[in-house]
């Protein structure tokens, strides 16, 4: 799976509203929230492994519809990850596709 972006992600601690446990070790599907809009994404974790609540990492991300979100990320590089609630915050580091 070829990622669309690279982002610095900080998962919230469970006590602060984060996940109850770690992500799967290979990929994790969730929504990326930016300026009140939501986009389907996959965190590509096969080279990173599972991420636990409270952990931070630089993570490749793949979008279901990259054309819908990439332009917005150029202007608003901060975002949240959503899985029924906000579970992490992130910041765009690099865009791989144009």
N, C-alpha and C. Protein backbone atom coordinates (compact mmCIF):
# COMPACT_ATOMS: atom_id res chain seq x y z
N UNK A 1 0.85 -1.17 0.00
CA UNK A 1 0.00 0.00 0.00
C UNK A 1 0.90 1.24 0.00
N UNK A 2 0.81 2.03 -1.05
CA UNK A 2 1.61 3.25 -1.18
C UNK A 2 0.94 4.39 -0.42
N UNK A 3 1.61 4.97 0.60
CA UNK A 3 0.98 6.04 1.37
C UNK A 3 0.88 7.34 0.59
N UNK A 4 -0.07 8.19 1.00
CA UNK A 4 -0.26 9.50 0.40
C UNK A 4 0.49 10.59 1.16
N UNK A 5 0.58 10.42 2.49
CA UNK A 5 1.26 11.42 3.31
C UNK A 5 2.07 10.74 4.41
N UNK A 6 2.93 11.53 5.03
CA UNK A 6 3.64 11.14 6.24
C UNK A 6 3.25 12.17 7.29
N UNK A 7 2.90 11.72 8.50
CA UNK A 7 2.43 12.64 9.54
C UNK A 7 2.98 12.25 10.90
N UNK A 8 3.18 13.24 11.74
CA UNK A 8 3.54 13.01 13.13
C UNK A 8 2.23 12.86 13.90
N UNK A 9 2.06 11.72 14.58
CA UNK A 9 0.82 11.39 15.28
C UNK A 9 1.11 11.23 16.77
N UNK A 10 0.25 11.80 17.60
CA UNK A 10 0.30 11.61 19.05
C UNK A 10 -1.04 11.02 19.49
N UNK A 11 -1.02 9.74 19.89
CA UNK A 11 -2.23 9.10 20.39
C UNK A 11 -2.48 9.57 21.82
N UNK A 12 -3.76 9.84 22.14
CA UNK A 12 -4.12 10.24 23.49
C UNK A 12 -4.03 9.05 24.43
N UNK A 13 -3.71 9.33 25.69
CA UNK A 13 -3.74 8.32 26.73
C UNK A 13 -5.19 7.85 26.90
N UNK A 14 -5.41 6.63 27.32
CA UNK A 14 -6.75 6.11 27.56
C UNK A 14 -7.51 7.01 28.54
N UNK A 15 -6.85 7.44 29.60
CA UNK A 15 -7.50 8.28 30.62
C UNK A 15 -7.90 9.65 30.08
N UNK A 16 -7.31 10.05 28.94
CA UNK A 16 -7.63 11.33 28.30
C UNK A 16 -8.57 11.18 27.11
N UNK A 17 -9.22 10.01 27.01
CA UNK A 17 -10.18 9.78 25.94
C UNK A 17 -9.64 8.96 24.77
N UNK A 18 -8.42 8.47 24.88
CA UNK A 18 -7.82 7.68 23.81
C UNK A 18 -8.35 6.26 23.75
N UNK A 19 -7.77 5.49 22.86
CA UNK A 19 -8.15 4.08 22.70
C UNK A 19 -7.92 3.29 23.98
N UNK A 20 -8.61 2.16 24.08
CA UNK A 20 -8.46 1.27 25.24
C UNK A 20 -7.23 0.39 25.12
N UNK A 21 -6.73 0.21 23.89
CA UNK A 21 -5.58 -0.65 23.69
C UNK A 21 -4.85 -0.25 22.41
N UNK A 22 -3.84 -1.00 22.04
CA UNK A 22 -3.05 -0.65 20.86
C UNK A 22 -3.79 -0.87 19.55
N UNK A 23 -3.29 -0.25 18.52
CA UNK A 23 -3.80 -0.47 17.16
C UNK A 23 -3.36 -1.85 16.69
N UNK A 24 -3.94 -2.35 15.61
CA UNK A 24 -3.38 -3.56 14.99
C UNK A 24 -1.94 -3.27 14.52
N UNK A 25 -1.12 -4.30 14.36
CA UNK A 25 0.29 -4.07 14.03
C UNK A 25 0.57 -3.74 12.56
N UNK A 26 -0.37 -3.98 11.66
CA UNK A 26 -0.07 -3.78 10.24
C UNK A 26 -0.74 -2.55 9.63
N UNK A 27 -2.02 -2.33 9.92
CA UNK A 27 -2.73 -1.15 9.43
C UNK A 27 -3.89 -0.87 10.36
N UNK A 28 -4.27 0.40 10.39
CA UNK A 28 -5.37 0.81 11.27
C UNK A 28 -6.25 1.79 10.50
N UNK A 29 -7.51 1.43 10.32
CA UNK A 29 -8.45 2.28 9.62
C UNK A 29 -9.23 3.16 10.59
N UNK A 30 -9.32 4.43 10.26
CA UNK A 30 -10.08 5.37 11.07
C UNK A 30 -10.42 6.58 10.19
N UNK A 31 -11.00 7.58 10.80
CA UNK A 31 -11.29 8.81 10.08
C UNK A 31 -10.28 9.88 10.47
N UNK A 32 -9.90 10.68 9.49
CA UNK A 32 -9.05 11.84 9.74
C UNK A 32 -9.96 13.06 9.70
N UNK A 33 -9.98 13.81 10.79
CA UNK A 33 -10.84 14.97 10.93
C UNK A 33 -10.01 16.24 10.72
N UNK A 34 -10.46 17.06 9.79
CA UNK A 34 -9.78 18.32 9.54
C UNK A 34 -10.83 19.39 9.28
N UNK A 35 -10.82 20.43 10.07
CA UNK A 35 -11.76 21.55 9.94
C UNK A 35 -13.22 21.08 9.88
N UNK A 36 -13.57 20.11 10.73
CA UNK A 36 -14.94 19.63 10.81
C UNK A 36 -15.37 18.68 9.70
N UNK A 37 -14.45 18.29 8.83
CA UNK A 37 -14.74 17.31 7.78
C UNK A 37 -13.97 16.03 8.08
N UNK A 38 -14.54 14.91 7.63
CA UNK A 38 -13.96 13.60 7.94
C UNK A 38 -13.60 12.86 6.66
N UNK A 39 -12.43 12.21 6.67
CA UNK A 39 -11.91 11.49 5.51
C UNK A 39 -11.45 10.11 5.95
N UNK A 40 -11.82 9.09 5.20
CA UNK A 40 -11.43 7.72 5.50
C UNK A 40 -9.94 7.55 5.22
N UNK A 41 -9.21 6.99 6.19
CA UNK A 41 -7.77 6.79 6.00
C UNK A 41 -7.32 5.48 6.63
N UNK A 42 -6.13 5.06 6.25
CA UNK A 42 -5.48 3.89 6.82
C UNK A 42 -4.08 4.29 7.27
N UNK A 43 -3.77 4.05 8.52
CA UNK A 43 -2.40 4.22 8.99
C UNK A 43 -1.64 2.97 8.57
N UNK A 44 -0.56 3.15 7.85
CA UNK A 44 0.24 2.03 7.34
C UNK A 44 1.31 1.72 8.39
N UNK A 45 1.07 0.66 9.14
CA UNK A 45 1.90 0.36 10.31
C UNK A 45 2.80 -0.86 10.14
N UNK A 46 2.86 -1.44 8.96
CA UNK A 46 3.61 -2.69 8.79
C UNK A 46 5.09 -2.55 9.13
N UNK A 47 5.68 -1.36 9.02
CA UNK A 47 7.09 -1.17 9.36
C UNK A 47 7.26 -0.53 10.74
N UNK A 48 6.14 -0.13 11.35
CA UNK A 48 6.17 0.54 12.65
C UNK A 48 5.70 -0.39 13.76
N UNK A 49 4.63 -1.13 13.47
CA UNK A 49 4.02 -2.00 14.47
C UNK A 49 2.88 -1.31 15.17
N UNK A 50 2.29 -2.00 16.12
CA UNK A 50 1.14 -1.48 16.87
C UNK A 50 1.54 -0.22 17.63
N UNK A 51 0.58 0.72 17.71
CA UNK A 51 0.78 1.95 18.47
C UNK A 51 -0.18 1.95 19.64
N UNK A 52 0.34 2.21 20.82
CA UNK A 52 -0.44 2.18 22.05
C UNK A 52 -0.91 3.56 22.46
N UNK A 53 -1.95 3.63 23.29
CA UNK A 53 -2.39 4.92 23.82
C UNK A 53 -1.21 5.65 24.47
N UNK A 54 -1.09 6.94 24.19
CA UNK A 54 -0.01 7.75 24.73
C UNK A 54 1.25 7.76 23.88
N UNK A 55 1.31 6.90 22.90
CA UNK A 55 2.50 6.79 22.06
C UNK A 55 2.44 7.79 20.91
N UNK A 56 3.61 8.23 20.47
CA UNK A 56 3.71 9.08 19.29
C UNK A 56 4.63 8.43 18.28
N UNK A 57 4.39 8.73 17.00
CA UNK A 57 5.19 8.15 15.92
C UNK A 57 4.99 8.95 14.64
N UNK A 58 5.93 8.83 13.74
CA UNK A 58 5.78 9.36 12.39
C UNK A 58 5.23 8.23 11.55
N UNK A 59 4.04 8.46 10.96
CA UNK A 59 3.26 7.38 10.37
C UNK A 59 2.88 7.70 8.92
N UNK A 60 3.08 6.75 7.99
CA UNK A 60 2.54 6.91 6.64
C UNK A 60 1.02 6.69 6.67
N UNK A 61 0.29 7.50 5.89
CA UNK A 61 -1.17 7.41 5.85
C UNK A 61 -1.64 7.33 4.41
N UNK A 62 -2.59 6.44 4.16
CA UNK A 62 -3.22 6.26 2.86
C UNK A 62 -4.68 6.69 2.96
N UNK A 63 -5.17 7.46 1.98
CA UNK A 63 -6.56 7.91 1.96
C UNK A 63 -7.36 7.13 0.94
N UNK A 64 -8.64 6.90 1.24
CA UNK A 64 -9.54 6.27 0.29
C UNK A 64 -9.72 7.19 -0.92
N UNK A 65 -9.85 8.49 -0.67
CA UNK A 65 -10.01 9.49 -1.74
C UNK A 65 -9.01 10.63 -1.51
N UNK A 66 -7.75 10.44 -1.89
CA UNK A 66 -6.74 11.46 -1.60
C UNK A 66 -7.06 12.82 -2.20
N UNK A 67 -7.69 12.85 -3.37
CA UNK A 67 -7.99 14.12 -4.01
C UNK A 67 -8.91 15.00 -3.17
N UNK A 68 -9.68 14.38 -2.28
CA UNK A 68 -10.62 15.12 -1.44
C UNK A 68 -9.94 15.79 -0.25
N UNK A 69 -8.80 15.28 0.18
CA UNK A 69 -8.19 15.78 1.42
C UNK A 69 -6.83 16.45 1.26
N UNK A 70 -6.06 16.09 0.25
CA UNK A 70 -4.68 16.58 0.16
C UNK A 70 -4.59 18.09 0.04
N UNK A 71 -5.44 18.70 -0.75
CA UNK A 71 -5.39 20.17 -0.90
C UNK A 71 -5.71 20.84 0.44
N UNK A 72 -6.66 20.30 1.16
CA UNK A 72 -7.01 20.87 2.47
C UNK A 72 -5.85 20.75 3.46
N UNK A 73 -5.13 19.64 3.43
CA UNK A 73 -3.99 19.45 4.33
C UNK A 73 -2.87 20.46 4.06
N UNK A 74 -2.75 20.91 2.82
CA UNK A 74 -1.72 21.91 2.51
C UNK A 74 -1.99 23.21 3.25
N UNK A 75 -3.26 23.54 3.47
CA UNK A 75 -3.62 24.80 4.12
C UNK A 75 -3.87 24.64 5.62
N UNK A 76 -4.25 23.45 6.03
CA UNK A 76 -4.52 23.16 7.44
C UNK A 76 -3.81 21.86 7.80
N UNK A 77 -2.52 21.94 8.13
CA UNK A 77 -1.75 20.70 8.33
C UNK A 77 -2.02 19.97 9.64
N UNK A 78 -2.76 20.58 10.58
CA UNK A 78 -3.09 19.91 11.83
C UNK A 78 -4.43 19.19 11.68
N UNK A 79 -4.54 18.03 12.30
CA UNK A 79 -5.77 17.24 12.20
C UNK A 79 -5.91 16.36 13.42
N UNK A 80 -7.05 15.68 13.51
CA UNK A 80 -7.31 14.69 14.55
C UNK A 80 -7.65 13.36 13.89
N UNK A 81 -7.39 12.29 14.60
CA UNK A 81 -7.86 10.97 14.18
C UNK A 81 -9.08 10.63 15.01
N UNK A 82 -10.07 10.05 14.35
CA UNK A 82 -11.38 9.81 14.94
C UNK A 82 -11.72 8.32 14.82
N UNK A 83 -12.11 7.72 15.94
CA UNK A 83 -12.57 6.33 15.96
C UNK A 83 -13.72 6.26 16.97
N UNK A 84 -14.85 6.91 16.60
CA UNK A 84 -15.97 7.04 17.51
C UNK A 84 -15.82 8.25 18.42
N UNK A 85 -14.61 8.74 18.54
CA UNK A 85 -14.24 9.93 19.31
C UNK A 85 -12.83 10.31 18.87
N UNK A 86 -12.37 11.47 19.25
CA UNK A 86 -11.00 11.85 18.94
C UNK A 86 -10.04 10.97 19.74
N UNK A 87 -9.12 10.32 19.02
CA UNK A 87 -8.19 9.41 19.68
C UNK A 87 -6.73 9.85 19.55
N UNK A 88 -6.49 10.83 18.65
CA UNK A 88 -5.11 11.26 18.42
C UNK A 88 -5.14 12.60 17.70
N UNK A 89 -4.00 13.28 17.75
CA UNK A 89 -3.83 14.48 16.95
C UNK A 89 -2.59 14.30 16.10
N UNK A 90 -2.58 15.01 14.98
CA UNK A 90 -1.47 14.84 14.08
C UNK A 90 -1.14 16.11 13.33
N UNK A 91 0.01 16.07 12.68
CA UNK A 91 0.47 17.19 11.88
C UNK A 91 1.14 16.64 10.62
N UNK A 92 0.75 17.18 9.50
CA UNK A 92 1.32 16.79 8.21
C UNK A 92 2.82 17.04 8.20
N UNK A 93 3.56 16.07 7.74
CA UNK A 93 5.01 16.21 7.62
C UNK A 93 5.42 16.25 6.14
N UNK A 94 4.79 15.40 5.31
CA UNK A 94 5.16 15.31 3.89
C UNK A 94 4.00 14.77 3.08
N UNK A 95 3.83 15.28 1.86
CA UNK A 95 2.85 14.75 0.92
C UNK A 95 3.63 13.99 -0.15
N UNK A 96 3.23 12.75 -0.43
CA UNK A 96 3.93 11.92 -1.41
C UNK A 96 3.34 12.03 -2.81
N UNK A 97 2.05 12.36 -2.92
CA UNK A 97 1.41 12.45 -4.22
C UNK A 97 1.00 13.90 -4.46
N UNK A 98 0.80 14.25 -5.70
CA UNK A 98 0.39 15.63 -6.00
C UNK A 98 -1.02 15.65 -6.55
